[in-house]
Amino acid sequence: MKCVICKSTDINTKMVEEEIRRGDDIVLVPIEVLVCANCGERYYSRAAMHQLEELKTKVRDQSVTLENVGKILRAKVA
């Protein structure tokens, strides 16, 4: 397989974190995908996409347990 962006053949399976937004919150989802080692382009299998879509639905319906791992704070500048 060649990367469609940089044409490198150095593409490996890697664990990455995707983001699902829920209002002002961001849910981090660890998922295994193919990643180009040269430019970072990600390639998702149908199974990975299906897993993300299912989890997105569960997050929206609040039917999945989420762990609080920290806060993001925004500075108010005048």
N, C-alpha and C. Protein backbone atom coordinates (compact mmCIF):
# COMPACT_ATOMS: atom_id res chain seq x y z
N MET A 1 0.85 -1.18 0.00
CA MET A 1 0.00 0.00 0.00
C MET A 1 0.89 1.24 0.00
N LYS A 2 0.50 2.22 -0.77
CA LYS A 2 1.20 3.51 -0.81
C LYS A 2 0.31 4.59 -0.23
N CYS A 3 0.93 5.51 0.49
CA CYS A 3 0.19 6.64 1.04
C CYS A 3 -0.30 7.53 -0.11
N VAL A 4 -1.55 7.92 -0.04
CA VAL A 4 -2.12 8.77 -1.09
C VAL A 4 -1.60 10.20 -1.01
N ILE A 5 -1.04 10.58 0.13
CA ILE A 5 -0.54 11.94 0.31
C ILE A 5 0.92 12.07 -0.12
N CYS A 6 1.79 11.24 0.50
CA CYS A 6 3.24 11.41 0.27
C CYS A 6 3.86 10.28 -0.54
N LYS A 7 3.08 9.26 -0.89
CA LYS A 7 3.51 8.11 -1.70
C LYS A 7 4.46 7.17 -0.98
N SER A 8 4.66 7.33 0.33
CA SER A 8 5.51 6.44 1.12
C SER A 8 4.84 5.07 1.23
N THR A 9 5.65 4.04 1.35
CA THR A 9 5.13 2.69 1.59
C THR A 9 5.30 2.29 3.06
N ASP A 10 5.78 3.20 3.87
CA ASP A 10 6.00 2.93 5.29
C ASP A 10 4.71 3.19 6.08
N ILE A 11 3.77 2.26 5.94
CA ILE A 11 2.46 2.38 6.58
C ILE A 11 2.30 1.22 7.56
N ASN A 12 2.01 1.55 8.81
CA ASN A 12 1.95 0.54 9.87
C ASN A 12 0.68 0.69 10.69
N THR A 13 0.29 -0.41 11.34
CA THR A 13 -0.83 -0.38 12.27
C THR A 13 -0.38 0.32 13.54
N LYS A 14 -1.22 1.23 14.03
CA LYS A 14 -0.86 2.02 15.20
C LYS A 14 -2.11 2.34 16.00
N MET A 15 -1.96 2.43 17.30
CA MET A 15 -3.07 2.85 18.17
C MET A 15 -3.07 4.38 18.21
N VAL A 16 -4.20 4.98 17.86
CA VAL A 16 -4.35 6.43 17.86
C VAL A 16 -5.58 6.79 18.70
N GLU A 17 -5.76 8.06 18.98
CA GLU A 17 -6.95 8.53 19.68
C GLU A 17 -7.75 9.44 18.76
N GLU A 18 -8.98 9.07 18.54
CA GLU A 18 -9.91 9.91 17.79
C GLU A 18 -10.74 10.70 18.78
N GLU A 19 -11.32 11.78 18.31
CA GLU A 19 -12.16 12.63 19.16
C GLU A 19 -13.61 12.58 18.71
N ILE A 20 -14.50 12.44 19.68
CA ILE A 20 -15.93 12.56 19.44
C ILE A 20 -16.40 13.72 20.31
N ARG A 21 -17.04 14.70 19.71
CA ARG A 21 -17.52 15.86 20.46
C ARG A 21 -18.93 15.62 20.96
N ARG A 22 -19.15 16.04 22.20
CA ARG A 22 -20.49 15.99 22.81
C ARG A 22 -20.68 17.31 23.52
N GLY A 23 -21.34 18.24 22.88
CA GLY A 23 -21.49 19.58 23.43
C GLY A 23 -20.12 20.23 23.52
N ASP A 24 -19.77 20.70 24.72
CA ASP A 24 -18.45 21.29 24.94
C ASP A 24 -17.41 20.24 25.32
N ASP A 25 -17.82 18.98 25.46
CA ASP A 25 -16.91 17.92 25.87
C ASP A 25 -16.31 17.21 24.65
N ILE A 26 -15.12 16.65 24.87
CA ILE A 26 -14.46 15.84 23.85
C ILE A 26 -14.21 14.47 24.45
N VAL A 27 -14.68 13.43 23.76
CA VAL A 27 -14.48 12.06 24.19
C VAL A 27 -13.33 11.48 23.37
N LEU A 28 -12.27 11.02 24.03
CA LEU A 28 -11.13 10.43 23.35
C LEU A 28 -11.38 8.93 23.19
N VAL A 29 -11.21 8.44 21.96
CA VAL A 29 -11.48 7.04 21.65
C VAL A 29 -10.21 6.40 21.10
N PRO A 30 -9.60 5.46 21.84
CA PRO A 30 -8.44 4.76 21.31
C PRO A 30 -8.89 3.77 20.24
N ILE A 31 -8.22 3.77 19.10
CA ILE A 31 -8.58 2.87 18.01
C ILE A 31 -7.34 2.54 17.19
N GLU A 32 -7.29 1.32 16.69
CA GLU A 32 -6.15 0.86 15.90
C GLU A 32 -6.43 1.08 14.42
N VAL A 33 -5.55 1.83 13.75
CA VAL A 33 -5.70 2.13 12.33
C VAL A 33 -4.34 2.06 11.65
N LEU A 34 -4.34 2.11 10.33
CA LEU A 34 -3.10 2.21 9.57
C LEU A 34 -2.68 3.66 9.52
N VAL A 35 -1.37 3.92 9.75
CA VAL A 35 -0.86 5.29 9.77
C VAL A 35 0.42 5.34 8.95
N CYS A 36 0.53 6.34 8.09
CA CYS A 36 1.76 6.56 7.32
C CYS A 36 2.82 7.12 8.29
N ALA A 37 3.96 6.43 8.36
CA ALA A 37 5.03 6.87 9.26
C ALA A 37 5.70 8.14 8.76
N ASN A 38 5.56 8.45 7.48
CA ASN A 38 6.20 9.63 6.91
C ASN A 38 5.39 10.90 7.14
N CYS A 39 4.09 10.88 6.83
CA CYS A 39 3.29 12.11 6.91
C CYS A 39 2.17 12.06 7.93
N GLY A 40 1.86 10.88 8.49
CA GLY A 40 0.83 10.78 9.52
C GLY A 40 -0.58 10.54 9.00
N GLU A 41 -0.76 10.42 7.69
CA GLU A 41 -2.09 10.16 7.13
C GLU A 41 -2.64 8.86 7.72
N ARG A 42 -3.92 8.89 8.09
CA ARG A 42 -4.56 7.72 8.70
C ARG A 42 -5.49 7.05 7.71
N TYR A 43 -5.54 5.72 7.80
CA TYR A 43 -6.41 4.91 6.94
C TYR A 43 -7.28 4.03 7.83
N TYR A 44 -8.60 4.15 7.66
CA TYR A 44 -9.56 3.47 8.52
C TYR A 44 -10.23 2.33 7.77
N SER A 45 -10.24 1.16 8.39
CA SER A 45 -10.95 0.02 7.81
C SER A 45 -12.45 0.23 8.02
N ARG A 46 -13.24 -0.57 7.34
CA ARG A 46 -14.69 -0.49 7.54
C ARG A 46 -15.05 -0.84 8.98
N ALA A 47 -14.33 -1.82 9.55
CA ALA A 47 -14.60 -2.22 10.94
C ALA A 47 -14.30 -1.07 11.90
N ALA A 48 -13.21 -0.35 11.67
CA ALA A 48 -12.85 0.78 12.52
C ALA A 48 -13.90 1.88 12.40
N MET A 49 -14.33 2.17 11.19
CA MET A 49 -15.36 3.19 10.99
C MET A 49 -16.67 2.79 11.66
N HIS A 50 -17.03 1.52 11.54
CA HIS A 50 -18.25 1.03 12.17
C HIS A 50 -18.15 1.18 13.69
N GLN A 51 -16.98 0.83 14.26
CA GLN A 51 -16.76 0.97 15.70
C GLN A 51 -16.90 2.43 16.13
N LEU A 52 -16.33 3.36 15.37
CA LEU A 52 -16.44 4.78 15.71
C LEU A 52 -17.88 5.27 15.63
N GLU A 53 -18.60 4.86 14.59
CA GLU A 53 -20.00 5.28 14.44
C GLU A 53 -20.87 4.74 15.57
N GLU A 54 -20.64 3.47 15.96
CA GLU A 54 -21.39 2.90 17.07
C GLU A 54 -21.12 3.65 18.36
N LEU A 55 -19.85 3.95 18.61
CA LEU A 55 -19.49 4.66 19.82
C LEU A 55 -20.04 6.08 19.82
N LYS A 56 -20.05 6.72 18.65
CA LYS A 56 -20.60 8.07 18.53
C LYS A 56 -22.08 8.07 18.92
N THR A 57 -22.81 7.06 18.48
CA THR A 57 -24.23 6.93 18.83
C THR A 57 -24.39 6.71 20.33
N LYS A 58 -23.55 5.86 20.92
CA LYS A 58 -23.63 5.59 22.36
C LYS A 58 -23.29 6.84 23.17
N VAL A 59 -22.32 7.62 22.71
CA VAL A 59 -21.97 8.86 23.41
C VAL A 59 -23.14 9.83 23.34
N ARG A 60 -23.73 9.96 22.16
CA ARG A 60 -24.88 10.86 21.99
C ARG A 60 -26.04 10.44 22.88
N ASP A 61 -26.30 9.12 22.95
CA ASP A 61 -27.42 8.59 23.74
C ASP A 61 -27.08 8.43 25.22
N GLN A 62 -25.84 8.76 25.58
CA GLN A 62 -25.34 8.62 26.95
C GLN A 62 -25.50 7.21 27.46
N SER A 63 -25.23 6.21 26.60
CA SER A 63 -25.35 4.81 27.00
C SER A 63 -23.98 4.13 27.08
N VAL A 64 -22.95 4.93 27.28
CA VAL A 64 -21.59 4.40 27.45
C VAL A 64 -20.98 5.09 28.67
N THR A 65 -20.18 4.34 29.41
CA THR A 65 -19.52 4.90 30.58
C THR A 65 -18.28 5.67 30.14
N LEU A 66 -18.18 6.92 30.57
CA LEU A 66 -17.04 7.76 30.23
C LEU A 66 -16.25 8.08 31.49
N GLU A 67 -14.94 8.09 31.35
CA GLU A 67 -14.04 8.39 32.46
C GLU A 67 -13.56 9.82 32.35
N ASN A 68 -13.67 10.58 33.43
CA ASN A 68 -13.18 11.95 33.45
C ASN A 68 -11.67 11.91 33.61
N VAL A 69 -10.95 12.46 32.62
CA VAL A 69 -9.48 12.40 32.66
C VAL A 69 -8.84 13.77 32.81
N GLY A 70 -9.61 14.80 32.96
CA GLY A 70 -9.02 16.13 33.14
C GLY A 70 -9.97 17.21 32.67
N LYS A 71 -9.41 18.42 32.58
CA LYS A 71 -10.20 19.58 32.16
C LYS A 71 -9.44 20.33 31.09
N ILE A 72 -10.20 21.01 30.28
CA ILE A 72 -9.63 21.99 29.36
C ILE A 72 -10.18 23.33 29.79
N LEU A 73 -9.32 24.27 30.02
CA LEU A 73 -9.74 25.58 30.47
C LEU A 73 -9.43 26.60 29.39
N ARG A 74 -10.28 27.61 29.26
CA ARG A 74 -10.09 28.66 28.28
C ARG A 74 -9.87 29.97 29.01
N ALA A 75 -8.83 30.68 28.65
CA ALA A 75 -8.55 32.00 29.25
C ALA A 75 -9.44 33.04 28.58
N LYS A 76 -9.97 33.93 29.38
CA LYS A 76 -10.74 35.04 28.85
C LYS A 76 -9.79 36.21 28.69
N VAL A 77 -9.64 36.66 27.47
CA VAL A 77 -8.75 37.80 27.22
C VAL A 77 -9.59 39.00 26.80
N ALA A 78 -9.20 40.12 27.29
CA ALA A 78 -9.96 41.35 27.01
C ALA A 78 -9.53 41.97 25.72
